[in-house]
Amino acid sequence: MTNDPTSDRIWSRAEIESPCVKLCVVHPETRLCAGCHRSIDEITAWSRMAPEDRRAVMDQLADRAGLAKGRRGGRTARLKR
């Protein structure tokens, strides 16, 4: 065994497949992440899910992408109130 810190054995990691795109903002109405379209519960449980369960969620994400289209109004909507 070698103590070489650059050894592939030390630096290799078995990453969990994830749809995360590092745009983590939860839409207030759909309660889905604007980046990956997963629910908070799915994001929380992701690392404990079986690979088949993660794949099932990932297969649904494209259908969820259109659920939160459009802006909520921003400054213009606030001024109208």
N, C-alpha and C. Protein backbone atom coordinates (compact mmCIF):
# COMPACT_ATOMS: atom_id res chain seq x y z
N MET A 1 0.85 -1.19 0.00
CA MET A 1 0.00 0.00 0.00
C MET A 1 0.89 1.25 0.00
N THR A 2 0.49 2.21 -0.75
CA THR A 2 1.27 3.44 -0.87
C THR A 2 0.56 4.58 -0.16
N ASN A 3 1.30 5.55 0.31
CA ASN A 3 0.73 6.73 0.97
C ASN A 3 0.68 7.92 0.02
N ASP A 4 0.73 7.67 -1.26
CA ASP A 4 0.70 8.72 -2.27
C ASP A 4 -0.67 9.40 -2.26
N PRO A 5 -0.77 10.70 -1.90
CA PRO A 5 -2.06 11.38 -1.82
C PRO A 5 -2.72 11.59 -3.18
N THR A 6 -1.98 11.39 -4.25
CA THR A 6 -2.57 11.55 -5.58
C THR A 6 -3.02 10.22 -6.18
N SER A 7 -2.96 9.19 -5.37
CA SER A 7 -3.37 7.87 -5.84
C SER A 7 -4.84 7.88 -6.25
N ASP A 8 -5.16 7.22 -7.36
CA ASP A 8 -6.55 7.15 -7.83
C ASP A 8 -7.45 6.49 -6.79
N ARG A 9 -6.92 5.55 -6.05
CA ARG A 9 -7.72 4.86 -5.05
C ARG A 9 -8.20 5.84 -3.98
N ILE A 10 -7.39 6.78 -3.62
CA ILE A 10 -7.75 7.75 -2.58
C ILE A 10 -8.71 8.81 -3.13
N TRP A 11 -8.48 9.29 -4.34
CA TRP A 11 -9.23 10.41 -4.88
C TRP A 11 -10.49 10.01 -5.62
N SER A 12 -10.64 8.74 -5.95
CA SER A 12 -11.84 8.36 -6.68
C SER A 12 -13.03 8.34 -5.73
N ARG A 13 -14.18 8.77 -6.24
CA ARG A 13 -15.40 8.81 -5.45
C ARG A 13 -16.54 8.24 -6.27
N ALA A 14 -17.39 7.51 -5.62
CA ALA A 14 -18.58 6.99 -6.28
C ALA A 14 -19.69 8.02 -6.09
N GLU A 15 -19.84 8.91 -7.06
CA GLU A 15 -20.84 9.97 -6.96
C GLU A 15 -22.24 9.41 -7.21
N ILE A 16 -23.20 9.95 -6.50
CA ILE A 16 -24.59 9.60 -6.71
C ILE A 16 -25.10 10.44 -7.88
N GLU A 17 -25.73 9.79 -8.83
CA GLU A 17 -26.28 10.52 -9.97
C GLU A 17 -27.31 11.52 -9.45
N SER A 18 -27.20 12.75 -9.92
CA SER A 18 -28.08 13.81 -9.45
C SER A 18 -28.42 14.77 -10.58
N PRO A 19 -29.66 15.29 -10.60
CA PRO A 19 -30.03 16.28 -11.60
C PRO A 19 -29.69 17.71 -11.17
N CYS A 20 -29.05 17.88 -10.03
CA CYS A 20 -28.74 19.21 -9.51
C CYS A 20 -27.90 20.00 -10.50
N VAL A 21 -28.32 21.26 -10.73
CA VAL A 21 -27.57 22.16 -11.61
C VAL A 21 -27.06 23.37 -10.83
N LYS A 22 -27.10 23.26 -9.49
CA LYS A 22 -26.61 24.30 -8.58
C LYS A 22 -27.33 25.63 -8.75
N LEU A 23 -28.62 25.56 -9.04
CA LEU A 23 -29.50 26.72 -9.08
C LEU A 23 -30.63 26.39 -8.12
N CYS A 24 -30.32 26.48 -6.84
CA CYS A 24 -31.22 25.97 -5.79
C CYS A 24 -32.13 27.08 -5.27
N VAL A 25 -33.29 27.20 -5.89
CA VAL A 25 -34.30 28.17 -5.49
C VAL A 25 -35.64 27.44 -5.54
N VAL A 26 -36.35 27.44 -4.44
CA VAL A 26 -37.64 26.74 -4.39
C VAL A 26 -38.75 27.71 -4.77
N HIS A 27 -39.54 27.32 -5.76
CA HIS A 27 -40.67 28.13 -6.20
C HIS A 27 -41.73 28.09 -5.10
N PRO A 28 -42.25 29.24 -4.69
CA PRO A 28 -43.18 29.29 -3.56
C PRO A 28 -44.52 28.61 -3.80
N GLU A 29 -44.94 28.49 -5.04
CA GLU A 29 -46.24 27.88 -5.33
C GLU A 29 -46.12 26.39 -5.63
N THR A 30 -45.19 26.02 -6.48
CA THR A 30 -45.06 24.60 -6.84
C THR A 30 -44.25 23.82 -5.82
N ARG A 31 -43.44 24.53 -5.02
CA ARG A 31 -42.56 23.92 -4.01
C ARG A 31 -41.53 23.00 -4.65
N LEU A 32 -41.18 23.32 -5.90
CA LEU A 32 -40.15 22.57 -6.62
C LEU A 32 -38.93 23.46 -6.80
N CYS A 33 -37.76 22.85 -6.84
CA CYS A 33 -36.53 23.59 -7.10
C CYS A 33 -36.56 24.10 -8.53
N ALA A 34 -36.24 25.37 -8.71
CA ALA A 34 -36.24 25.98 -10.05
C ALA A 34 -35.13 25.41 -10.92
N GLY A 35 -34.08 24.88 -10.33
CA GLY A 35 -32.97 24.34 -11.10
C GLY A 35 -33.19 22.90 -11.54
N CYS A 36 -33.47 22.02 -10.59
CA CYS A 36 -33.56 20.59 -10.91
C CYS A 36 -34.98 20.05 -10.95
N HIS A 37 -35.94 20.82 -10.47
CA HIS A 37 -37.37 20.48 -10.47
C HIS A 37 -37.74 19.36 -9.51
N ARG A 38 -36.86 19.10 -8.54
CA ARG A 38 -37.21 18.12 -7.50
C ARG A 38 -37.92 18.84 -6.36
N SER A 39 -38.72 18.07 -5.61
CA SER A 39 -39.37 18.63 -4.42
C SER A 39 -38.35 18.65 -3.28
N ILE A 40 -38.67 19.41 -2.24
CA ILE A 40 -37.80 19.47 -1.07
C ILE A 40 -37.62 18.07 -0.48
N ASP A 41 -38.71 17.31 -0.39
CA ASP A 41 -38.63 15.95 0.16
C ASP A 41 -37.70 15.07 -0.68
N GLU A 42 -37.78 15.20 -2.00
CA GLU A 42 -36.92 14.41 -2.87
C GLU A 42 -35.45 14.80 -2.70
N ILE A 43 -35.20 16.10 -2.60
CA ILE A 43 -33.83 16.58 -2.42
C ILE A 43 -33.27 16.08 -1.10
N THR A 44 -34.08 16.15 -0.05
CA THR A 44 -33.64 15.72 1.28
C THR A 44 -33.32 14.23 1.31
N ALA A 45 -34.14 13.42 0.66
CA ALA A 45 -33.98 11.96 0.71
C ALA A 45 -33.02 11.42 -0.36
N TRP A 46 -32.56 12.27 -1.26
CA TRP A 46 -31.83 11.83 -2.45
C TRP A 46 -30.68 10.87 -2.14
N SER A 47 -29.83 11.18 -1.20
CA SER A 47 -28.66 10.34 -0.94
C SER A 47 -29.03 9.01 -0.30
N ARG A 48 -30.22 8.89 0.25
CA ARG A 48 -30.67 7.64 0.86
C ARG A 48 -31.55 6.81 -0.06
N MET A 49 -31.91 7.39 -1.22
CA MET A 49 -32.79 6.68 -2.16
C MET A 49 -32.03 5.59 -2.90
N ALA A 50 -32.75 4.54 -3.24
CA ALA A 50 -32.18 3.49 -4.09
C ALA A 50 -31.98 4.06 -5.49
N PRO A 51 -30.99 3.57 -6.23
CA PRO A 51 -30.76 4.07 -7.58
C PRO A 51 -32.01 4.01 -8.47
N GLU A 52 -32.82 2.98 -8.30
CA GLU A 52 -34.05 2.86 -9.10
C GLU A 52 -35.03 3.97 -8.77
N ASP A 53 -35.12 4.33 -7.49
CA ASP A 53 -36.03 5.40 -7.07
C ASP A 53 -35.55 6.75 -7.59
N ARG A 54 -34.23 6.98 -7.54
CA ARG A 54 -33.69 8.23 -8.09
C ARG A 54 -33.96 8.30 -9.59
N ARG A 55 -33.79 7.21 -10.30
CA ARG A 55 -34.04 7.17 -11.75
C ARG A 55 -35.51 7.47 -12.03
N ALA A 56 -36.42 6.93 -11.22
CA ALA A 56 -37.86 7.19 -11.41
C ALA A 56 -38.17 8.67 -11.25
N VAL A 57 -37.57 9.31 -10.25
CA VAL A 57 -37.77 10.75 -10.06
C VAL A 57 -37.19 11.51 -11.25
N MET A 58 -35.99 11.14 -11.67
CA MET A 58 -35.34 11.85 -12.79
C MET A 58 -36.15 11.72 -14.08
N ASP A 59 -36.84 10.61 -14.24
CA ASP A 59 -37.67 10.42 -15.43
C ASP A 59 -38.87 11.37 -15.43
N GLN A 60 -39.29 11.87 -14.27
CA GLN A 60 -40.44 12.78 -14.16
C GLN A 60 -40.06 14.26 -14.29
N LEU A 61 -38.78 14.57 -14.18
CA LEU A 61 -38.36 15.97 -14.08
C LEU A 61 -38.68 16.80 -15.31
N ALA A 62 -38.56 16.24 -16.49
CA ALA A 62 -38.84 17.00 -17.71
C ALA A 62 -40.30 17.47 -17.73
N ASP A 63 -41.21 16.64 -17.24
CA ASP A 63 -42.63 17.03 -17.18
C ASP A 63 -42.89 18.14 -16.17
N ARG A 64 -42.07 18.22 -15.15
CA ARG A 64 -42.24 19.25 -14.12
C ARG A 64 -41.69 20.60 -14.54
N ALA A 65 -40.82 20.62 -15.51
CA ALA A 65 -40.10 21.85 -15.88
C ALA A 65 -41.05 22.99 -16.24
N GLY A 66 -42.19 22.72 -16.82
CA GLY A 66 -43.11 23.78 -17.23
C GLY A 66 -44.10 24.22 -16.18
N LEU A 67 -44.05 23.64 -15.00
CA LEU A 67 -45.05 23.94 -13.98
C LEU A 67 -44.92 25.35 -13.40
N ALA A 68 -43.75 25.92 -13.40
CA ALA A 68 -43.54 27.22 -12.75
C ALA A 68 -43.13 28.29 -13.74
N LYS A 69 -43.72 28.29 -14.90
CA LYS A 69 -43.36 29.29 -15.90
C LYS A 69 -43.95 30.64 -15.54
N GLY A 70 -43.28 31.66 -15.97
CA GLY A 70 -43.77 33.01 -15.75
C GLY A 70 -43.32 33.57 -14.42
N ARG A 71 -43.20 34.86 -14.39
CA ARG A 71 -42.81 35.56 -13.18
C ARG A 71 -44.03 35.83 -12.32
N ARG A 72 -43.80 36.03 -11.06
CA ARG A 72 -44.89 36.31 -10.14
C ARG A 72 -45.26 37.77 -10.11
N GLY A 73 -44.53 38.61 -10.81
CA GLY A 73 -44.91 40.02 -10.85
C GLY A 73 -43.80 40.97 -10.47
N GLY A 74 -42.99 40.60 -9.53
CA GLY A 74 -41.89 41.47 -9.13
C GLY A 74 -42.34 42.83 -8.65
N ARG A 75 -41.57 43.83 -8.96
CA ARG A 75 -41.83 45.20 -8.51
C ARG A 75 -43.15 45.74 -9.07
N THR A 76 -43.42 45.47 -10.33
CA THR A 76 -44.65 45.97 -10.96
C THR A 76 -45.89 45.47 -10.22
N ALA A 77 -45.91 44.20 -9.84
CA ALA A 77 -47.06 43.65 -9.13
C ALA A 77 -47.19 44.27 -7.74
N ARG A 78 -46.09 44.51 -7.08
CA ARG A 78 -46.14 45.12 -5.75
C ARG A 78 -46.68 46.54 -5.83
N LEU A 79 -46.29 47.27 -6.84
CA LEU A 79 -46.76 48.66 -6.98
C LEU A 79 -48.25 48.75 -7.27
N LYS A 80 -48.80 47.73 -7.92
CA LYS A 80 -50.23 47.72 -8.23
C LYS A 80 -51.08 47.45 -7.00
N ARG A 81 -50.51 46.89 -5.96
CA ARG A 81 -51.29 46.56 -4.76
C ARG A 81 -51.63 47.74 -3.97
